[in-house]
Protein backbone atom coordinates (compact mmCIF):
# COMPACT_ATOMS: atom_id res chain seq x y z
CA UNK A 1 62.24 229.38 174.51
CA UNK A 2 61.23 225.74 174.19
CA UNK A 3 64.33 222.83 175.40
CA UNK A 4 64.69 219.51 174.40
CA UNK A 5 67.22 216.78 173.98
CA UNK A 6 69.83 219.77 174.30
CA UNK A 7 68.28 221.84 171.08
CA UNK A 8 66.81 225.29 171.75
CA UNK A 9 63.76 226.25 169.66
CA UNK A 10 62.44 229.90 169.59
CA UNK A 11 58.41 230.38 168.50
CA UNK A 12 56.56 233.76 168.14
CA UNK A 13 53.64 233.65 170.91
CA UNK A 14 51.73 234.87 168.36
CA UNK A 15 52.35 231.95 166.40
CA UNK A 16 52.16 229.66 169.12
CA UNK A 17 48.70 230.43 169.40
CA UNK A 18 47.88 230.04 165.96
CA UNK A 19 49.66 226.52 165.64
CA UNK A 20 49.01 224.77 168.52
CA UNK A 21 51.43 222.01 169.42
CA UNK A 22 54.17 221.51 167.12
CA UNK A 23 56.53 218.72 166.31
CA UNK A 24 60.01 219.01 164.98
CA UNK A 25 61.71 215.89 163.22
CA UNK A 26 64.99 214.84 162.13
CA UNK A 27 64.66 213.34 158.70
CA UNK A 28 67.38 212.13 156.40
CA UNK A 29 67.39 214.82 154.21
CA UNK A 30 67.40 217.79 156.96
CA UNK A 31 64.06 218.28 159.11
CA UNK A 32 59.95 218.57 159.48
CA UNK A 33 57.59 220.85 161.24
CA UNK A 34 54.32 219.98 161.74
CA UNK A 35 51.46 221.33 163.95
CA UNK A 36 48.57 220.88 165.47
CA UNK A 37 46.69 223.80 163.30
CA UNK A 38 48.40 224.03 159.66
CA UNK A 39 49.16 227.76 158.79
CA UNK A 40 50.35 227.27 155.41
CA UNK A 41 53.30 229.50 153.89
CA UNK A 42 56.83 228.70 155.17
CA UNK A 43 59.43 228.13 151.98
CA UNK A 44 63.13 229.08 151.92
CA UNK A 45 63.97 226.14 149.62
CA UNK A 46 63.82 225.99 146.09
CA UNK A 47 60.64 224.94 143.60
CA UNK A 48 58.62 222.92 146.09
CA UNK A 49 61.20 221.16 148.02
CA UNK A 50 58.95 222.05 151.46
CA UNK A 51 55.83 221.08 149.92
CA UNK A 52 55.62 217.82 151.48
CA UNK A 53 55.94 218.98 155.01
CA UNK A 54 59.87 218.30 155.28
CA UNK A 55 62.33 220.99 153.86
CA UNK A 56 66.05 219.92 152.73
CA UNK A 57 67.86 222.95 151.28
């Protein structure tokens, strides 16, 4: 578990090793998640809403 600015983040240990450092940033429409070593996948939003690296569902 990581705690930053009052927010708590959980990250699977195996995934953490696969991605390297992770940056989570707020955007106008939600948030974006970037990693040192992109792994692809993710989603949960409709038709390409996450394709730019940010997700606003």
